Amino acid sequence: MTAERGLILLVDDDPVFTKVFGRELGRMGFEVHPGYGADIPSLLDQNPIDIAILDVVMPDAGGLKLLETIKSRWPDVDVIMLTGNATVDNALWSMKLGAYDYVTKPVELEHVEQILRNCMEQRRLRQQNVALKGRLSDLQDNELIGDAPSIRELKSLIRRFADSDSTVLIQGESGTGKELVAHLVHKHSRRCREPFIIVDCTALKENLLESELFGHERGAFTDAIAKKHGIFEIADGGTIFLDEIGDLSPSLQVKLLRVVETRSFRRLGGTQRIQVDVRLIAATNRDLAELVREGQFREDLYYRLNVVSMSMPPLREHPEDIPLLLNHLLEDLRSSDRGPKRFSDSAIQALIKHDWPGNVRELRNLVERCLVLAESDVIDLTDLPFSTSPLDQIMRNYETGHFPSLDEIEDAYIERVLQATGGNKHLAAQILKIDRKTILRRLGKDPTAE
């Protein structure tokens, strides 16, 4: 950095504003390069620019287009957008394109300076912790189980964004493992030695949740007999995981937005603003974009939270990972070397065909149940809950209007008979009046292998 607080590229089509605003930035301790049109790429190439401040609306090249160019060619440059009130929507969209923040005109110098201070501090920390990025590629296979394309993409996102300070929005059905991913993002970040605090936005009433998040002063309300530090204070330097953010009340959405924008807050009943450095990870099983369209969730807060988006696939969409998950859960849940050591092939096939409305959480509960009830080293069809039978699944689908093929019905019936015979293929063949090799073929096995 060429100045104590960094080198700024200031791009605005109003020369008077550029001169006055540039002078104020200089008084804050920054070195400022004004940029115009064709000069901008050469300035970025020839100078170690830390921050680019861009006007959204410019006659020659739109600010959003220039933002995309900078983030593509000079990804280490942080970008702050300048906007008039009429172009706030464009400014919000700029956050999706990678802008660090935006400022509305007429600018409040104190607010601008705070944003620049925060940005430069984050740049310093990133540079100090660049060695940490080397270990992000060491995300262990046993931390997030699965090899399906959707799980591999999720692991890649964790590696790429864990060490940034960007907010993360994790969306997915209940039981898919959103909290696990939030833990991994924190674990592989520079904040890993600082607090990781989970907040269930559905667990407390609005007034209690507000007190939990921001704390309160003595006498702030009837039961406030002493000052209380809120979660944002306790988590300073670390990460807050806001679970089920879609259930946050409108008034708390406004207050959370203010914290995200200013990185400061006031305790309930207090007047002093408290500055914090906290990374937010939010999760929901609801469609936030749909809630925005319905007017139930603030659009500006949605864009602030959805800087990095991670989607948790439901288990039914990557059933090929079920064998890996079963092996991991068996090892994880078994209290000693005693107890079942594996699932039989027929049991695994039944589990793969199950629709798993409770996702990985349901699978974990099933494994735990089988470990308690199974009487041999191998968990077989007879040890599984009745609802995992393929025939039962077909009947449920039939009742909801999905008509199975004849092959699906036959395969499911073979599985049911095998379950009833304890996996005895010879006896099952006699009951079904078919050859034993036919059973093996229907199960996808080589008839010559047994």
Protein backbone atom coordinates (compact mmCIF):
# COMPACT_ATOMS: atom_id res chain seq x y z
CA MET A 1 0.00 0.00 0.00
CA THR A 2 1.41 3.37 -0.99
CA ALA A 3 -0.42 5.31 1.73
CA GLU A 4 -1.03 4.47 5.34
CA ARG A 5 -4.65 3.64 4.61
CA GLY A 6 -4.39 2.69 0.97
CA LEU A 7 -4.60 3.86 -2.63
CA ILE A 8 -8.04 4.77 -4.04
CA LEU A 9 -9.17 5.05 -7.65
CA LEU A 10 -12.06 7.56 -7.80
CA VAL A 11 -14.23 7.40 -10.93
CA ASP A 12 -17.10 9.89 -11.37
CA ASP A 13 -18.30 11.88 -14.39
CA ASP A 14 -18.73 15.08 -12.32
CA PRO A 15 -15.30 16.81 -12.16
CA VAL A 16 -16.38 19.18 -9.37
CA PHE A 17 -17.59 16.32 -7.20
CA THR A 18 -14.43 14.33 -8.01
CA LYS A 19 -12.20 17.23 -6.94
CA VAL A 20 -14.09 17.97 -3.70
CA PHE A 21 -14.63 14.36 -2.70
CA GLY A 22 -11.04 13.44 -3.61
CA ARG A 23 -9.78 16.25 -1.37
CA GLU A 24 -11.85 14.91 1.56
CA LEU A 25 -10.51 11.39 0.99
CA GLY A 26 -7.01 12.82 1.09
CA ARG A 27 -7.75 14.43 4.44
CA MET A 28 -8.74 11.00 5.71
CA GLY A 29 -5.24 9.79 4.89
CA PHE A 30 -5.80 8.09 1.52
CA GLU A 31 -3.93 8.66 -1.71
CA VAL A 32 -6.45 9.27 -4.50
CA HIS A 33 -6.14 8.79 -8.27
CA PRO A 34 -9.06 10.26 -10.26
CA GLY A 35 -9.93 8.08 -13.25
CA TYR A 36 -11.64 8.93 -16.53
CA GLY A 37 -12.75 6.67 -19.40
CA ALA A 38 -9.87 5.03 -21.26
CA ASP A 39 -7.35 5.91 -18.52
CA ILE A 40 -8.93 3.52 -16.00
CA PRO A 41 -7.36 0.22 -17.21
CA SER A 42 -3.87 1.72 -17.36
CA LEU A 43 -4.27 3.19 -13.87
CA LEU A 44 -5.25 -0.23 -12.53
CA ASP A 45 -2.39 -1.93 -14.39
CA GLN A 46 0.28 0.55 -13.29
CA ASN A 47 -0.77 1.29 -9.70
CA PRO A 48 -1.39 -0.99 -6.70
CA ILE A 49 -4.98 0.17 -6.31
CA ASP A 50 -6.63 -1.03 -3.09
CA ILE A 51 -10.14 0.37 -3.52
CA ALA A 52 -12.04 1.67 -6.56
CA ILE A 53 -14.94 4.05 -5.90
CA LEU A 54 -17.24 4.09 -8.95
CA ASP A 55 -20.31 6.11 -9.83
CA VAL A 56 -23.16 3.83 -10.93
CA VAL A 57 -24.36 6.20 -13.67
CA MET A 58 -21.75 7.51 -16.13
CA PRO A 59 -22.18 8.54 -19.80
CA ASP A 60 -19.20 6.68 -21.29
CA ALA A 61 -19.36 3.33 -19.51
CA GLY A 62 -21.89 2.31 -16.90
CA GLY A 63 -20.54 1.80 -13.41
CA LEU A 64 -21.94 -1.75 -13.22
CA LYS A 65 -20.14 -2.70 -16.43
CA LEU A 66 -16.90 -1.22 -15.10
CA LEU A 67 -17.45 -3.11 -11.83
CA GLU A 68 -17.71 -6.39 -13.75
CA THR A 69 -14.52 -5.57 -15.66
CA ILE A 70 -12.56 -4.75 -12.51
CA LYS A 71 -13.70 -7.86 -10.63
CA SER A 72 -12.79 -9.95 -13.68
CA ARG A 73 -9.34 -8.48 -14.45
CA TRP A 74 -8.31 -7.13 -11.02
CA PRO A 75 -10.18 -9.34 -8.52
CA ASP A 76 -8.09 -8.14 -5.54
CA VAL A 77 -9.39 -4.58 -5.92
CA ASP A 78 -12.34 -3.85 -3.63
CA VAL A 79 -15.09 -1.76 -5.22
CA ILE A 80 -17.45 0.71 -3.57
CA MET A 81 -20.32 2.08 -5.67
CA LEU A 82 -21.62 5.68 -5.57
CA THR A 83 -25.31 6.10 -6.32
CA GLY A 84 -28.08 8.65 -6.27
CA ASN A 85 -31.32 7.77 -4.52
CA ALA A 86 -32.93 6.93 -7.86
CA THR A 87 -30.42 4.18 -8.58
CA VAL A 88 -30.42 2.29 -5.28
CA ASP A 89 -31.71 -0.81 -7.08
CA ASN A 90 -28.61 -0.75 -9.28
CA ALA A 91 -26.45 -0.38 -6.20
CA LEU A 92 -28.06 -3.42 -4.60
CA TRP A 93 -27.47 -5.35 -7.79
CA SER A 94 -23.83 -4.27 -7.68
CA MET A 95 -23.49 -6.25 -4.42
CA LYS A 96 -24.41 -9.36 -6.38
CA LEU A 97 -21.68 -8.51 -8.90
CA GLY A 98 -19.01 -8.36 -6.22
CA ALA A 99 -19.02 -4.80 -4.89
CA TYR A 100 -17.81 -4.45 -1.30
CA ASP A 101 -20.42 -1.81 -0.45
CA TYR A 102 -22.28 1.21 -1.83
CA VAL A 103 -22.75 4.82 -0.73
CA THR A 104 -25.65 7.12 -1.63
CA LYS A 105 -25.24 10.75 -2.70
CA PRO A 106 -25.00 13.22 -1.10
CA VAL A 107 -22.29 11.32 0.72
CA GLU A 108 -21.92 11.36 4.50
CA LEU A 109 -18.16 11.64 4.99
CA GLU A 110 -18.18 9.97 8.40
CA HIS A 111 -20.07 7.00 6.97
CA VAL A 112 -17.72 6.80 3.96
CA GLU A 113 -14.64 6.89 6.19
CA GLN A 114 -16.02 4.06 8.33
CA ILE A 115 -16.64 1.91 5.26
CA LEU A 116 -13.12 2.59 3.98
CA ARG A 117 -11.60 1.81 7.37
CA ASN A 118 -13.46 -1.51 7.51
CA CYS A 119 -12.49 -2.36 3.95
CA MET A 120 -8.79 -1.61 4.50
CA GLU A 121 -8.76 -3.59 7.73
CA GLN A 122 -10.23 -6.60 5.96
CA ARG A 123 -7.63 -6.25 3.19
CA ARG A 124 -4.86 -6.18 5.79
CA LEU A 125 -6.20 -9.28 7.49
CA ARG A 126 -6.53 -11.08 4.17
CA GLN A 127 -2.92 -10.31 3.34
CA GLN A 128 -1.72 -11.42 6.76
CA ASN A 129 -3.60 -14.68 6.45
CA VAL A 130 -2.81 -15.50 2.83
CA ALA A 131 -0.95 -18.60 4.01
CA LEU A 132 -4.20 -19.89 5.45
CA LYS A 133 -5.62 -20.28 1.96
CA GLY A 134 -3.20 -23.14 1.36
CA ARG A 135 -4.96 -25.25 3.89
CA LEU A 136 -8.43 -24.53 2.52
CA SER A 137 -7.76 -27.15 -0.14
CA ASP A 138 -7.37 -29.65 2.68
CA LEU A 139 -11.10 -29.80 3.36
CA GLN A 140 -11.26 -33.36 4.62
CA ASP A 141 -13.52 -35.90 2.95
CA ASN A 142 -14.93 -36.88 6.34
CA GLU A 143 -16.09 -33.32 7.01
CA LEU A 144 -18.68 -33.28 4.22
CA ILE A 145 -19.57 -36.75 3.03
CA GLY A 146 -20.47 -37.30 -0.61
CA ASP A 147 -19.08 -37.45 -4.12
CA ALA A 148 -22.15 -36.41 -6.14
CA PRO A 149 -21.61 -33.37 -8.40
CA SER A 150 -23.76 -31.17 -6.15
CA ILE A 151 -21.70 -32.10 -3.06
CA ARG A 152 -18.40 -31.57 -4.92
CA GLU A 153 -19.61 -28.10 -5.95
CA LEU A 154 -20.50 -27.36 -2.32
CA LYS A 155 -17.02 -28.38 -1.16
CA SER A 156 -15.52 -26.12 -3.83
CA LEU A 157 -17.57 -23.15 -2.64
CA ILE A 158 -16.44 -23.72 0.95
CA ARG A 159 -12.79 -23.80 -0.16
CA ARG A 160 -13.16 -20.64 -2.25
CA PHE A 161 -15.10 -18.43 0.13
CA ALA A 162 -14.40 -19.66 3.66
CA ASP A 163 -11.59 -17.18 4.25
CA SER A 164 -13.39 -14.16 2.86
CA ASP A 165 -15.59 -11.94 5.03
CA SER A 166 -18.55 -12.09 2.66
CA THR A 167 -21.91 -12.97 4.12
CA VAL A 168 -23.14 -16.45 3.18
CA LEU A 169 -26.72 -17.60 2.60
CA ILE A 170 -27.30 -21.35 2.85
CA GLN A 171 -30.63 -22.59 1.52
CA GLY A 172 -32.04 -26.11 1.62
CA GLU A 173 -34.63 -28.40 3.12
CA SER A 174 -34.62 -29.30 6.81
CA GLY A 175 -32.12 -32.00 7.69
CA THR A 176 -29.77 -31.45 4.73
CA GLY A 177 -26.85 -30.23 6.86
CA LYS A 178 -26.95 -26.42 6.64
CA GLU A 179 -25.49 -26.03 10.13
CA LEU A 180 -22.62 -28.39 9.28
CA VAL A 181 -21.70 -26.28 6.25
CA ALA A 182 -21.81 -23.11 8.35
CA HIS A 183 -19.44 -24.76 10.84
CA LEU A 184 -17.06 -25.71 8.00
CA VAL A 185 -17.05 -22.18 6.57
CA HIS A 186 -16.09 -20.87 10.01
CA LYS A 187 -13.56 -23.64 10.68
CA HIS A 188 -11.66 -22.95 7.46
CA SER A 189 -11.64 -19.17 7.85
CA ARG A 190 -9.22 -16.82 9.59
CA ARG A 191 -11.90 -16.50 12.29
CA CYS A 192 -11.61 -20.16 13.26
CA ARG A 193 -10.16 -19.38 16.72
CA GLU A 194 -12.91 -16.86 17.47
CA PRO A 195 -16.51 -17.57 18.59
CA PHE A 196 -19.01 -19.40 16.39
CA ILE A 197 -22.48 -18.66 17.77
CA ILE A 198 -25.72 -20.21 16.54
CA VAL A 199 -28.95 -18.22 16.72
CA ASP A 200 -32.24 -20.02 16.03
CA CYS A 201 -34.49 -17.24 14.73
CA THR A 202 -37.61 -19.34 15.44
CA ALA A 203 -36.77 -20.25 19.04
CA LEU A 204 -37.48 -16.92 20.77
CA LYS A 205 -40.17 -14.28 20.68
CA GLU A 206 -39.27 -11.05 18.90
CA ASN A 207 -38.46 -8.97 22.00
CA LEU A 208 -36.34 -11.75 23.52
CA LEU A 209 -34.51 -12.39 20.25
CA GLU A 210 -33.70 -8.68 19.92
CA SER A 211 -32.27 -8.67 23.45
CA GLU A 212 -30.26 -11.84 22.69
CA LEU A 213 -28.79 -10.32 19.52
CA PHE A 214 -28.03 -6.79 20.70
CA GLY A 215 -28.07 -6.98 24.49
CA HIS A 216 -29.73 -4.40 26.72
CA GLU A 217 -29.00 -1.75 29.32
CA ARG A 218 -30.26 -1.97 32.85
CA GLY A 219 -33.86 -0.75 33.01
CA ALA A 220 -34.43 -1.08 29.25
CA PHE A 221 -37.59 -3.07 30.03
CA THR A 222 -39.33 -4.53 33.07
CA ASP A 223 -37.09 -7.55 33.62
CA ALA A 224 -33.83 -5.83 32.63
CA ILE A 225 -32.30 -5.70 36.11
CA ALA A 226 -28.70 -5.59 34.82
CA LYS A 227 -26.78 -4.76 31.67
CA LYS A 228 -26.52 -7.68 29.23
CA HIS A 229 -24.02 -8.15 26.40
CA GLY A 230 -25.67 -9.38 23.23
CA ILE A 231 -24.52 -12.04 20.78
CA PHE A 232 -23.06 -9.46 18.40
CA GLU A 233 -20.72 -8.24 21.15
CA ILE A 234 -19.80 -11.74 22.29
CA ALA A 235 -19.10 -12.89 18.73
CA ASP A 236 -16.85 -9.90 17.89
CA GLY A 237 -14.08 -11.21 15.61
CA GLY A 238 -15.97 -14.44 14.96
CA THR A 239 -19.04 -15.74 13.14
CA ILE A 240 -22.78 -15.65 13.84
CA PHE A 241 -24.95 -18.33 12.25
CA LEU A 242 -28.55 -17.11 11.89
CA ASP A 243 -30.60 -20.27 11.39
CA GLU A 244 -34.05 -19.99 9.76
CA ILE A 245 -33.49 -16.34 8.85
CA GLY A 246 -36.69 -16.45 6.77
CA ASP A 247 -38.73 -16.37 10.00
CA LEU A 248 -37.19 -13.10 11.22
CA SER A 249 -39.83 -10.43 11.93
CA PRO A 250 -39.97 -7.30 9.71
CA SER A 251 -38.78 -5.01 12.52
CA LEU A 252 -35.78 -7.23 13.28
CA GLN A 253 -35.00 -7.40 9.56
CA VAL A 254 -34.62 -3.60 9.59
CA LYS A 255 -32.31 -3.68 12.61
CA LEU A 256 -30.23 -6.53 11.20
CA LEU A 257 -29.85 -4.66 7.91
CA ARG A 258 -28.53 -1.66 9.82
CA VAL A 259 -25.92 -3.83 11.57
CA VAL A 260 -24.82 -5.38 8.27
CA GLU A 261 -24.49 -1.95 6.65
CA THR A 262 -22.73 -0.09 9.47
CA ARG A 263 -21.17 -2.99 11.44
CA SER A 264 -22.46 -1.29 14.55
CA PHE A 265 -25.53 -1.40 16.80
CA ARG A 266 -27.00 -0.07 20.04
CA ARG A 267 -28.06 -2.14 23.01
CA LEU A 268 -31.76 -1.97 23.88
CA GLY A 269 -32.22 1.14 25.98
CA GLY A 270 -28.75 2.38 25.06
CA THR A 271 -27.54 5.42 23.11
CA GLN A 272 -23.91 4.48 22.34
CA ARG A 273 -23.20 2.72 19.04
CA ILE A 274 -20.96 -0.31 19.46
CA GLN A 275 -18.64 -1.25 16.59
CA VAL A 276 -18.15 -4.98 15.84
CA ASP A 277 -16.33 -7.19 13.34
CA VAL A 278 -18.64 -10.16 12.81
CA ARG A 279 -19.20 -12.41 9.82
CA LEU A 280 -22.80 -13.47 9.21
CA ILE A 281 -23.89 -16.82 7.83
CA ALA A 282 -27.64 -17.21 7.39
CA ALA A 283 -29.67 -20.31 6.58
CA THR A 284 -33.28 -21.06 5.74
CA ASN A 285 -35.45 -23.88 4.47
CA ARG A 286 -37.72 -21.32 2.82
CA ASP A 287 -37.38 -19.67 -0.59
CA LEU A 288 -36.15 -16.19 0.37
CA ALA A 289 -36.50 -14.87 -3.19
CA GLU A 290 -40.18 -15.87 -3.12
CA LEU A 291 -40.61 -14.24 0.31
CA VAL A 292 -39.12 -11.05 -1.16
CA ARG A 293 -41.65 -11.16 -4.03
CA GLU A 294 -44.45 -11.66 -1.50
CA GLY A 295 -43.26 -8.70 0.57
CA GLN A 296 -42.43 -10.85 3.61
CA PHE A 297 -38.66 -10.31 3.48
CA ARG A 298 -36.73 -7.13 2.75
CA GLU A 299 -35.11 -7.09 -0.68
CA ASP A 300 -32.12 -5.01 0.47
CA LEU A 301 -31.42 -7.41 3.37
CA TYR A 302 -31.76 -10.37 1.01
CA TYR A 303 -29.05 -8.98 -1.28
CA ARG A 304 -26.83 -8.16 1.69
CA LEU A 305 -27.06 -11.73 2.98
CA ASN A 306 -26.93 -13.46 -0.40
CA VAL A 307 -23.42 -12.36 -1.39
CA VAL A 308 -22.26 -16.00 -1.42
CA SER A 309 -25.06 -18.48 -2.04
CA MET A 310 -24.82 -22.15 -1.11
CA SER A 311 -27.57 -24.67 -1.87
CA MET A 312 -27.94 -27.89 0.11
CA PRO A 313 -29.28 -30.65 -2.14
CA PRO A 314 -31.95 -32.93 -0.65
CA LEU A 315 -30.76 -36.49 -0.14
CA ARG A 316 -33.20 -37.84 -2.73
CA GLU A 317 -31.26 -35.88 -5.38
CA HIS A 318 -27.93 -37.58 -4.62
CA PRO A 319 -28.83 -41.12 -3.51
CA GLU A 320 -25.49 -42.38 -4.87
CA ASP A 321 -23.92 -40.92 -1.72
CA ILE A 322 -26.01 -43.06 0.63
CA PRO A 323 -23.47 -45.93 0.86
CA LEU A 324 -20.72 -43.44 1.81
CA LEU A 325 -22.99 -41.81 4.36
CA LEU A 326 -23.97 -45.17 5.86
CA ASN A 327 -20.33 -46.18 6.37
CA HIS A 328 -19.50 -42.83 7.95
CA LEU A 329 -22.54 -42.84 10.23
CA LEU A 330 -21.87 -46.40 11.37
CA GLU A 331 -18.36 -45.46 12.43
CA ASP A 332 -19.47 -42.19 13.95
CA LEU A 333 -22.40 -43.56 15.98
CA ARG A 334 -21.03 -46.92 17.05
CA SER A 335 -19.86 -46.59 20.65
CA SER A 336 -17.32 -49.46 20.45
CA ASP A 337 -16.18 -52.28 18.18
CA ARG A 338 -19.29 -54.15 19.20
CA GLY A 339 -22.48 -53.96 17.16
CA PRO A 340 -23.25 -54.05 13.43
CA LYS A 341 -20.37 -53.30 11.08
CA ARG A 342 -22.14 -52.89 7.75
CA PHE A 343 -25.43 -52.83 5.86
CA SER A 344 -26.34 -55.68 3.54
CA ASP A 345 -26.59 -55.00 -0.19
CA SER A 346 -30.36 -55.47 -0.14
CA ALA A 347 -30.71 -53.03 2.77
CA ILE A 348 -28.58 -50.46 0.95
CA GLN A 349 -30.68 -50.78 -2.19
CA ALA A 350 -33.85 -50.27 -0.12
CA LEU A 351 -32.39 -47.16 1.47
CA ILE A 352 -31.31 -45.77 -1.90
CA LYS A 353 -34.88 -46.10 -3.17
CA HIS A 354 -36.39 -44.33 -0.14
CA ASP A 355 -37.48 -40.71 -0.71
CA TRP A 356 -35.93 -39.35 2.56
CA PRO A 357 -38.25 -36.46 3.44
CA GLY A 358 -36.09 -35.84 6.53
CA ASN A 359 -32.86 -35.95 4.47
CA VAL A 360 -29.52 -36.76 6.17
CA ARG A 361 -30.99 -36.18 9.63
CA GLU A 362 -33.53 -38.93 8.97
CA LEU A 363 -30.78 -41.22 7.69
CA ARG A 364 -28.71 -40.59 10.81
CA ASN A 365 -31.68 -41.43 13.05
CA LEU A 366 -32.26 -44.64 11.09
CA VAL A 367 -28.65 -45.75 11.49
CA GLU A 368 -28.77 -45.02 15.21
CA ARG A 369 -31.96 -47.09 15.53
CA CYS A 370 -30.46 -49.99 13.60
CA LEU A 371 -27.35 -49.98 15.78
CA VAL A 372 -29.56 -50.44 18.83
CA LEU A 373 -31.94 -53.06 17.43
CA ALA A 374 -29.87 -55.13 14.98
CA GLU A 375 -28.82 -58.51 16.40
CA SER A 376 -25.99 -59.41 14.00
CA ASP A 377 -22.92 -57.80 12.43
CA VAL A 378 -24.91 -57.05 9.28
CA ILE A 379 -27.94 -54.75 9.17
CA ASP A 380 -30.41 -56.36 6.78
CA LEU A 381 -33.85 -55.58 5.38
CA THR A 382 -35.53 -57.04 8.44
CA ASP A 383 -33.74 -54.48 10.64
CA LEU A 384 -34.99 -51.48 8.68
CA PRO A 385 -38.14 -49.52 9.48
CA PHE A 386 -41.09 -50.89 7.54
CA SER A 387 -41.53 -47.57 5.76
CA THR A 388 -38.27 -48.07 3.82
CA SER A 389 -39.69 -51.05 1.91
CA PRO A 390 -39.62 -50.29 -1.83
CA LEU A 391 -43.13 -51.72 -2.19
CA ASP A 392 -44.44 -49.40 0.51
CA GLN A 393 -42.77 -46.49 -1.29
CA ILE A 394 -44.44 -47.45 -4.55
CA MET A 395 -47.82 -47.64 -2.83
CA ARG A 396 -47.33 -44.16 -1.34
CA ASN A 397 -46.43 -42.83 -4.78
CA TYR A 398 -49.47 -44.58 -6.26
CA GLU A 399 -51.72 -42.84 -3.72
CA THR A 400 -50.31 -39.46 -4.74
CA GLY A 401 -50.94 -40.07 -8.45
CA HIS A 402 -47.57 -41.51 -9.55
CA PHE A 403 -48.12 -44.80 -11.37
CA PRO A 404 -45.08 -47.13 -11.28
CA SER A 405 -43.96 -49.31 -14.15
CA LEU A 406 -44.44 -53.07 -14.07
CA ASP A 407 -40.69 -53.56 -13.60
CA GLU A 408 -40.72 -51.27 -10.56
CA ILE A 409 -43.59 -53.22 -8.99
CA GLU A 410 -41.91 -56.57 -9.67
CA ASP A 411 -38.56 -55.42 -8.25
CA ALA A 412 -40.27 -54.04 -5.17
CA TYR A 413 -42.18 -57.28 -4.63
CA ILE A 414 -38.98 -59.31 -4.94
CA GLU A 415 -37.42 -57.05 -2.30
CA ARG A 416 -40.45 -57.58 -0.02
CA VAL A 417 -40.24 -61.37 -0.33
CA LEU A 418 -36.50 -61.28 0.35
CA GLN A 419 -37.22 -59.20 3.44
CA ALA A 420 -39.77 -61.75 4.62
CA THR A 421 -37.32 -64.65 4.07
CA GLY A 422 -34.47 -62.89 5.84
CA GLY A 423 -32.54 -62.52 2.60
CA ASN A 424 -32.72 -66.23 1.72
CA LYS A 425 -32.65 -66.10 -2.09
CA HIS A 426 -33.28 -69.83 -2.53
CA LEU A 427 -36.45 -69.70 -0.44
CA ALA A 428 -37.55 -66.46 -2.10
CA ALA A 429 -37.12 -68.06 -5.52
CA GLN A 430 -39.35 -70.96 -4.45
CA ILE A 431 -42.06 -68.59 -3.20
CA LEU A 432 -41.90 -66.48 -6.36
CA LYS A 433 -41.65 -69.56 -8.58
CA ILE A 434 -38.71 -68.10 -10.49
CA ASP A 435 -35.09 -69.12 -10.86
CA ARG A 436 -32.64 -67.92 -8.20
CA LYS A 437 -30.42 -66.43 -10.93
CA THR A 438 -33.37 -64.32 -12.03
CA ILE A 439 -33.52 -62.80 -8.55
CA LEU A 440 -29.81 -61.99 -8.70
CA ARG A 441 -30.20 -60.35 -12.10
CA ARG A 442 -33.14 -58.27 -10.87
CA LEU A 443 -31.01 -57.14 -7.94
CA GLY A 444 -28.28 -56.05 -10.35
CA LYS A 445 -25.85 -58.80 -9.35
CA ASP A 446 -23.81 -61.21 -11.43
CA PRO A 447 -25.64 -64.58 -11.25
CA THR A 448 -22.30 -66.39 -11.59
CA ALA A 449 -20.76 -64.62 -8.60
CA GLU A 450 -22.73 -66.60 -5.98
